Amino acid sequence: MSVDTGLRPLGPTRELAAIWIFVERELRMQVYFRFSFFTSLMETASSLVIYGMIARFGQVLPEVQAIAGGDYVTFVVSGIVLNTLLATALSGPYFGLMNTFWQGRTEVLLASPLRLPVLITGVSIGRYLDAAIRIVIYLAGGTLFLGLVWPGAIGLAAALPVFILAVAACTGLGLAAASTVYLLDARGGHDPVRLVVETIVGLVGGVYFPITILPLWAQWIGQVVPHTYAIDGMRRAFYGSAQLPPLPVHRALGLDPFLGDCLMLALYATIALPVGWVLFKRGLRLARTDGRLSRWV
């Protein structure tokens, strides 16, 4: 769907060129303050070192034994990498829209011939660039210094539908989060959608430890967010699912665990994407009506 500007939409090639302009802008902004940029890289590396130390000197949980021979580094890095990508899909539209609001660029962008999905991609691209840099550090550092075990080509191929469905589901949640910029005036860097989702993911999503060590009621809370199915499905695709305990929803519905993860992600994406899109457009329409697309003072 095109933004209502009266201008003819760009073709696919020119849309890609427009997105590249956003990429160049974000790259220049990220490296402009070099000290801050390298400090953020060091912060990412330090978190990897912390998990490496836990793996080397701590006890391995029995539930981790099925993942790459009980290697906690592989278990946690695989979870962190995917969660970094999903957290970006969740936060990208919100921060992109919020930044254009405070910079007074929203009207200019909406007056361009860019279709609305392309515009959202462009303003969100900076978060993806930052996520890509952090993912490279996690994978390179884990491989070179901590003994990260990589999956085979078959495992990577099997995980592809999990990645696609999970990003689609989290993008829908991200659009709903972005809608709060105008629907709830949530422009201070925090929105209720992301707060609830990231809290659940951090506590019971399975990123840092198997959720099967938690009480059953806590495990069921983790089934509310798509991240739980994505992380579980990715680990099953990468390292095999025969020895991994099923999630509560797998047992309740009698589903094959990997297929169940894909089905739940597909269901989540089918609901979250259209709902998020409707809420996002409703927020823009409301802001157009009352003149709040950008700040004026």
Protein backbone atom coordinates (compact mmCIF):
# COMPACT_ATOMS: atom_id res chain seq x y z
CA MET A 1 0.00 0.00 0.00
CA SER A 2 1.39 3.41 -0.98
CA VAL A 3 1.51 6.50 1.17
CA ASP A 4 -1.22 8.91 0.02
CA THR A 5 0.98 11.64 -1.51
CA GLY A 6 -0.36 11.93 -5.04
CA LEU A 7 3.09 10.90 -6.31
CA ARG A 8 3.78 7.88 -8.45
CA PRO A 9 5.43 5.10 -6.36
CA LEU A 10 9.02 4.19 -7.17
CA GLY A 11 9.89 0.99 -9.00
CA PRO A 12 11.60 -1.93 -7.19
CA THR A 13 15.11 -0.89 -8.27
CA ARG A 14 14.69 2.68 -7.11
CA GLU A 15 13.12 1.49 -3.86
CA LEU A 16 16.22 -0.60 -3.18
CA ALA A 17 18.35 2.44 -3.97
CA ALA A 18 16.29 4.47 -1.51
CA ILE A 19 16.80 1.86 1.21
CA TRP A 20 20.55 1.96 0.53
CA ILE A 21 20.45 5.71 1.17
CA PHE A 22 19.00 4.95 4.60
CA VAL A 23 21.76 2.36 5.14
CA GLU A 24 24.52 4.83 4.27
CA ARG A 25 23.02 7.46 6.54
CA GLU A 26 22.81 5.07 9.49
CA LEU A 27 26.36 3.78 8.96
CA ARG A 28 27.74 7.31 8.99
CA MET A 29 25.78 8.18 12.11
CA GLN A 30 26.93 5.05 13.95
CA VAL A 31 30.64 5.59 13.28
CA TYR A 32 30.63 9.39 13.52
CA PHE A 33 31.33 9.26 17.26
CA ARG A 34 34.11 6.70 17.07
CA PHE A 35 34.76 6.37 20.78
CA SER A 36 31.11 5.60 21.52
CA PHE A 37 31.01 3.14 18.62
CA PHE A 38 34.02 1.17 19.85
CA THR A 39 32.73 1.33 23.43
CA SER A 40 29.50 -0.35 22.30
CA LEU A 41 31.54 -3.06 20.58
CA MET A 42 33.48 -3.67 23.78
CA GLU A 43 30.25 -3.88 25.75
CA THR A 44 28.99 -6.58 23.40
CA ALA A 45 32.26 -8.49 23.67
CA SER A 46 32.23 -8.29 27.46
CA SER A 47 28.83 -9.94 27.68
CA LEU A 48 30.16 -12.80 25.56
CA VAL A 49 33.12 -13.20 27.93
CA ILE A 50 30.76 -13.38 30.91
CA TYR A 51 28.83 -16.29 29.40
CA GLY A 52 32.10 -17.98 28.46
CA MET A 53 33.28 -17.75 32.06
CA ILE A 54 29.99 -19.19 33.30
CA ALA A 55 30.36 -22.09 30.89
CA ARG A 56 33.97 -22.78 31.86
CA PHE A 57 33.60 -22.60 35.63
CA GLY A 58 29.95 -23.30 36.27
CA GLN A 59 28.03 -26.55 36.27
CA VAL A 60 26.31 -27.66 33.09
CA LEU A 61 22.59 -28.25 33.48
CA PRO A 62 21.40 -31.73 32.52
CA GLU A 63 18.87 -30.12 30.17
CA VAL A 64 21.74 -28.58 28.18
CA GLN A 65 23.42 -31.95 27.54
CA ALA A 66 21.37 -32.49 24.38
CA ILE A 67 22.76 -29.28 22.83
CA ALA A 68 26.13 -29.87 21.20
CA GLY A 69 27.27 -32.31 23.86
CA GLY A 70 26.27 -30.15 26.81
CA ASP A 71 28.27 -27.07 25.73
CA TYR A 72 26.67 -24.09 27.48
CA VAL A 73 28.50 -21.62 25.23
CA THR A 74 26.83 -23.09 22.16
CA PHE A 75 23.49 -23.22 23.97
CA VAL A 76 23.52 -19.59 25.09
CA VAL A 77 25.19 -18.04 22.02
CA SER A 78 22.64 -19.69 19.73
CA GLY A 79 19.88 -18.21 21.88
CA ILE A 80 21.45 -14.76 22.10
CA VAL A 81 22.08 -14.52 18.35
CA LEU A 82 18.48 -15.32 17.46
CA ASN A 83 17.10 -13.15 20.25
CA THR A 84 19.22 -10.23 19.02
CA LEU A 85 17.61 -10.53 15.60
CA LEU A 86 14.10 -10.89 17.01
CA ALA A 87 14.58 -8.00 19.45
CA THR A 88 15.55 -5.85 16.47
CA ALA A 89 12.40 -6.82 14.57
CA LEU A 90 10.46 -5.93 17.71
CA SER A 91 12.12 -2.56 18.38
CA GLY A 92 13.14 -1.35 14.90
CA PRO A 93 9.84 0.20 13.75
CA TYR A 94 9.29 1.89 17.12
CA PHE A 95 12.72 3.51 17.35
CA GLY A 96 12.70 4.38 13.66
CA LEU A 97 9.37 6.18 13.92
CA MET A 98 10.28 7.81 17.23
CA ASN A 99 13.56 9.16 15.84
CA THR A 100 11.89 10.63 12.76
CA PHE A 101 9.37 12.29 15.08
CA TRP A 102 12.01 13.99 17.23
CA GLN A 103 14.08 14.92 14.18
CA GLY A 104 11.07 16.50 12.46
CA ARG A 105 11.43 14.26 9.40
CA THR A 106 8.13 12.36 9.49
CA GLU A 107 6.20 14.69 7.15
CA VAL A 108 9.08 14.79 4.68
CA LEU A 109 9.30 11.00 4.52
CA LEU A 110 5.54 10.53 4.25
CA ALA A 111 5.48 13.06 1.40
CA SER A 112 8.00 11.00 -0.55
CA PRO A 113 6.95 8.46 -3.22
CA LEU A 114 8.11 5.59 -0.99
CA ARG A 115 5.53 2.94 -0.17
CA LEU A 116 4.83 2.65 3.54
CA PRO A 117 6.53 -0.79 3.96
CA VAL A 118 9.68 0.56 2.28
CA LEU A 119 9.62 3.64 4.50
CA ILE A 120 9.33 1.48 7.64
CA THR A 121 12.24 -0.67 6.44
CA GLY A 122 14.34 2.42 5.81
CA VAL A 123 13.81 4.05 9.20
CA SER A 124 14.35 0.68 10.95
CA ILE A 125 17.53 -0.26 9.10
CA GLY A 126 19.85 1.32 11.66
CA ARG A 127 18.72 -1.12 14.34
CA TYR A 128 19.42 -4.04 12.00
CA LEU A 129 22.91 -2.75 11.23
CA ASP A 130 23.66 -2.54 14.94
CA ALA A 131 22.27 -6.04 15.46
CA ALA A 132 24.36 -7.42 12.59
CA ILE A 133 27.55 -6.03 14.15
CA ARG A 134 26.72 -7.57 17.53
CA ILE A 135 25.84 -10.93 15.96
CA VAL A 136 29.18 -11.02 14.15
CA ILE A 137 30.98 -10.38 17.46
CA TYR A 138 29.03 -13.15 19.20
CA LEU A 139 29.69 -15.68 16.44
CA ALA A 140 33.33 -14.75 15.79
CA GLY A 141 34.24 -14.50 19.48
CA GLY A 142 32.38 -17.68 20.36
CA THR A 143 34.07 -19.59 17.53
CA LEU A 144 37.63 -18.30 18.03
CA PHE A 145 37.84 -18.21 21.81
CA LEU A 146 35.01 -20.18 23.41
CA GLY A 147 34.60 -23.29 21.27
CA LEU A 148 31.21 -22.51 19.72
CA VAL A 149 29.92 -25.57 17.83
CA TRP A 150 28.44 -24.66 14.45
CA PRO A 151 25.54 -26.63 12.99
CA GLY A 152 25.85 -28.40 9.66
CA ALA A 153 24.37 -27.26 6.37
CA ILE A 154 21.29 -29.43 6.92
CA GLY A 155 20.68 -27.81 10.30
CA LEU A 156 21.02 -24.32 8.83
CA ALA A 157 18.57 -25.17 6.05
CA ALA A 158 16.09 -26.67 8.51
CA ALA A 159 16.25 -23.51 10.64
CA LEU A 160 15.45 -21.18 7.72
CA PRO A 161 11.62 -21.44 8.02
CA VAL A 162 11.96 -20.84 11.76
CA PHE A 163 13.93 -17.65 11.12
CA ILE A 164 11.47 -16.36 8.52
CA LEU A 165 8.35 -17.08 10.57
CA ALA A 166 9.89 -15.72 13.77
CA VAL A 167 10.96 -12.44 12.14
CA ALA A 168 7.50 -12.07 10.60
CA ALA A 169 5.81 -12.61 13.98
CA CYS A 170 8.11 -10.17 15.79
CA THR A 171 7.75 -7.59 13.02
CA GLY A 172 4.01 -7.67 13.62
CA LEU A 173 4.63 -7.03 17.32
CA GLY A 174 7.11 -4.31 16.33
CA LEU A 175 4.50 -2.52 14.24
CA ALA A 176 2.09 -2.67 17.18
CA ALA A 177 4.84 -1.22 19.40
CA ALA A 178 5.50 1.56 16.85
CA SER A 179 1.81 2.47 16.82
CA THR A 180 2.09 3.53 20.48
CA VAL A 181 4.25 6.51 19.40
CA TYR A 182 1.01 8.19 18.37
CA LEU A 183 -1.77 6.10 19.89
CA LEU A 184 -0.34 6.35 23.44
CA ASP A 185 2.24 9.17 23.03
CA ALA A 186 4.96 6.67 24.02
CA ARG A 187 7.94 8.66 22.73
CA GLY A 188 10.37 8.40 25.63
CA GLY A 189 12.23 5.32 24.41
CA HIS A 190 9.90 2.77 26.04
CA ASP A 191 6.65 1.28 24.84
CA PRO A 192 4.34 -1.17 26.63
CA VAL A 193 4.43 -3.86 23.92
CA ARG A 194 8.21 -4.18 23.96
CA LEU A 195 8.34 -3.95 27.76
CA VAL A 196 5.97 -6.90 28.22
CA VAL A 197 7.49 -9.06 25.47
CA GLU A 198 11.14 -8.51 26.45
CA THR A 199 10.39 -9.11 30.13
CA ILE A 200 8.77 -12.46 29.34
CA VAL A 201 11.57 -13.41 26.94
CA GLY A 202 14.31 -12.56 29.43
CA LEU A 203 12.72 -14.52 32.26
CA VAL A 204 11.04 -17.52 30.64
CA GLY A 205 11.87 -17.44 26.92
CA GLY A 206 14.72 -19.95 27.00
CA VAL A 207 17.48 -17.61 25.82
CA TYR A 208 19.86 -18.14 28.76
CA PHE A 209 18.67 -21.43 30.25
CA PRO A 210 16.22 -24.23 29.33
CA ILE A 211 12.69 -23.28 30.33
CA THR A 212 12.09 -26.91 31.33
CA ILE A 213 13.92 -26.23 34.62
CA LEU A 214 11.15 -23.77 35.55
CA PRO A 215 7.82 -24.53 37.23
CA LEU A 216 5.13 -25.56 34.76
CA TRP A 217 3.15 -22.34 35.23
CA ALA A 218 6.24 -20.29 34.32
CA GLN A 219 6.80 -22.47 31.25
CA TRP A 220 3.28 -21.69 30.07
CA ILE A 221 3.92 -17.95 30.40
CA GLY A 222 6.85 -18.39 28.03
CA GLN A 223 4.48 -19.83 25.41
CA VAL A 224 2.83 -16.41 25.06
CA VAL A 225 5.70 -14.90 23.01
CA PRO A 226 7.01 -16.15 19.63
CA HIS A 227 10.63 -16.04 20.80
CA THR A 228 10.15 -19.22 22.84
CA TYR A 229 9.09 -21.23 19.80
CA ALA A 230 11.77 -19.62 17.63
CA ILE A 231 14.64 -20.40 20.00
CA ASP A 232 13.38 -23.92 20.67
CA GLY A 233 12.84 -24.60 16.97
CA MET A 234 16.23 -23.20 16.00
CA ARG A 235 18.08 -25.39 18.51
CA ARG A 236 16.15 -28.45 17.36
CA ALA A 237 17.00 -27.70 13.73
CA PHE A 238 20.66 -27.04 14.51
CA TYR A 239 21.45 -29.86 16.91
CA GLY A 240 18.61 -32.37 16.64
CA SER A 241 15.44 -32.65 18.66
CA ALA A 242 15.40 -36.28 19.78
CA GLN A 243 16.79 -35.59 23.26
CA LEU A 244 15.36 -32.11 23.82
CA PRO A 245 12.35 -32.07 26.14
CA PRO A 246 9.14 -30.83 24.48
CA LEU A 247 7.50 -27.56 25.41
CA PRO A 248 4.20 -27.66 27.31
CA VAL A 249 2.23 -26.74 24.17
CA HIS A 250 3.81 -29.66 22.30
CA ARG A 251 2.59 -32.09 24.95
CA ALA A 252 -0.82 -30.47 25.26
CA LEU A 253 -1.54 -30.58 21.52
CA GLY A 254 0.33 -33.80 20.76
CA LEU A 255 2.55 -32.09 18.18
CA ASP A 256 5.95 -33.06 16.87
CA PRO A 257 8.18 -30.49 18.66
CA PHE A 258 9.90 -28.97 15.61
CA LEU A 259 6.75 -28.98 13.48
CA GLY A 260 4.83 -27.59 16.46
CA ASP A 261 7.27 -24.68 16.77
CA CYS A 262 6.84 -23.85 13.08
CA LEU A 263 3.04 -24.09 13.29
CA MET A 264 2.87 -21.84 16.36
CA LEU A 265 5.15 -19.28 14.72
CA ALA A 266 3.05 -19.36 11.55
CA LEU A 267 -0.11 -18.81 13.61
CA TYR A 268 1.54 -15.98 15.52
CA ALA A 269 2.72 -14.29 12.31
CA THR A 270 -0.70 -14.68 10.68
CA ILE A 271 -2.30 -12.79 13.57
CA ALA A 272 0.43 -10.34 14.59
CA LEU A 273 1.35 -8.95 11.15
CA PRO A 274 -2.12 -7.73 10.09
CA VAL A 275 -3.01 -6.52 13.58
CA GLY A 276 0.28 -4.65 13.90
CA TRP A 277 -0.14 -3.15 10.42
CA VAL A 278 -3.66 -1.92 11.20
CA LEU A 279 -2.54 -0.36 14.49
CA PHE A 280 0.47 1.27 12.84
CA LYS A 281 -1.64 2.88 10.10
CA ARG A 282 -4.24 3.94 12.66
CA GLY A 283 -1.54 5.74 14.64
CA LEU A 284 -0.33 7.60 11.56
CA ARG A 285 -3.90 8.49 10.58
CA LEU A 286 -4.58 9.87 14.06
CA ALA A 287 -1.37 11.91 13.98
CA ARG A 288 -2.28 13.35 10.58
CA THR A 289 -5.67 14.36 11.94
CA ASP A 290 -4.41 16.23 15.01
CA GLY A 291 -1.09 17.49 13.58
CA ARG A 292 1.28 15.40 15.72
CA LEU A 293 3.35 13.73 12.99
CA SER A 294 6.46 15.63 14.15
CA ARG A 295 7.31 17.92 17.04
CA TRP A 296 6.94 21.62 16.34
CA VAL A 297 8.80 23.21 19.26
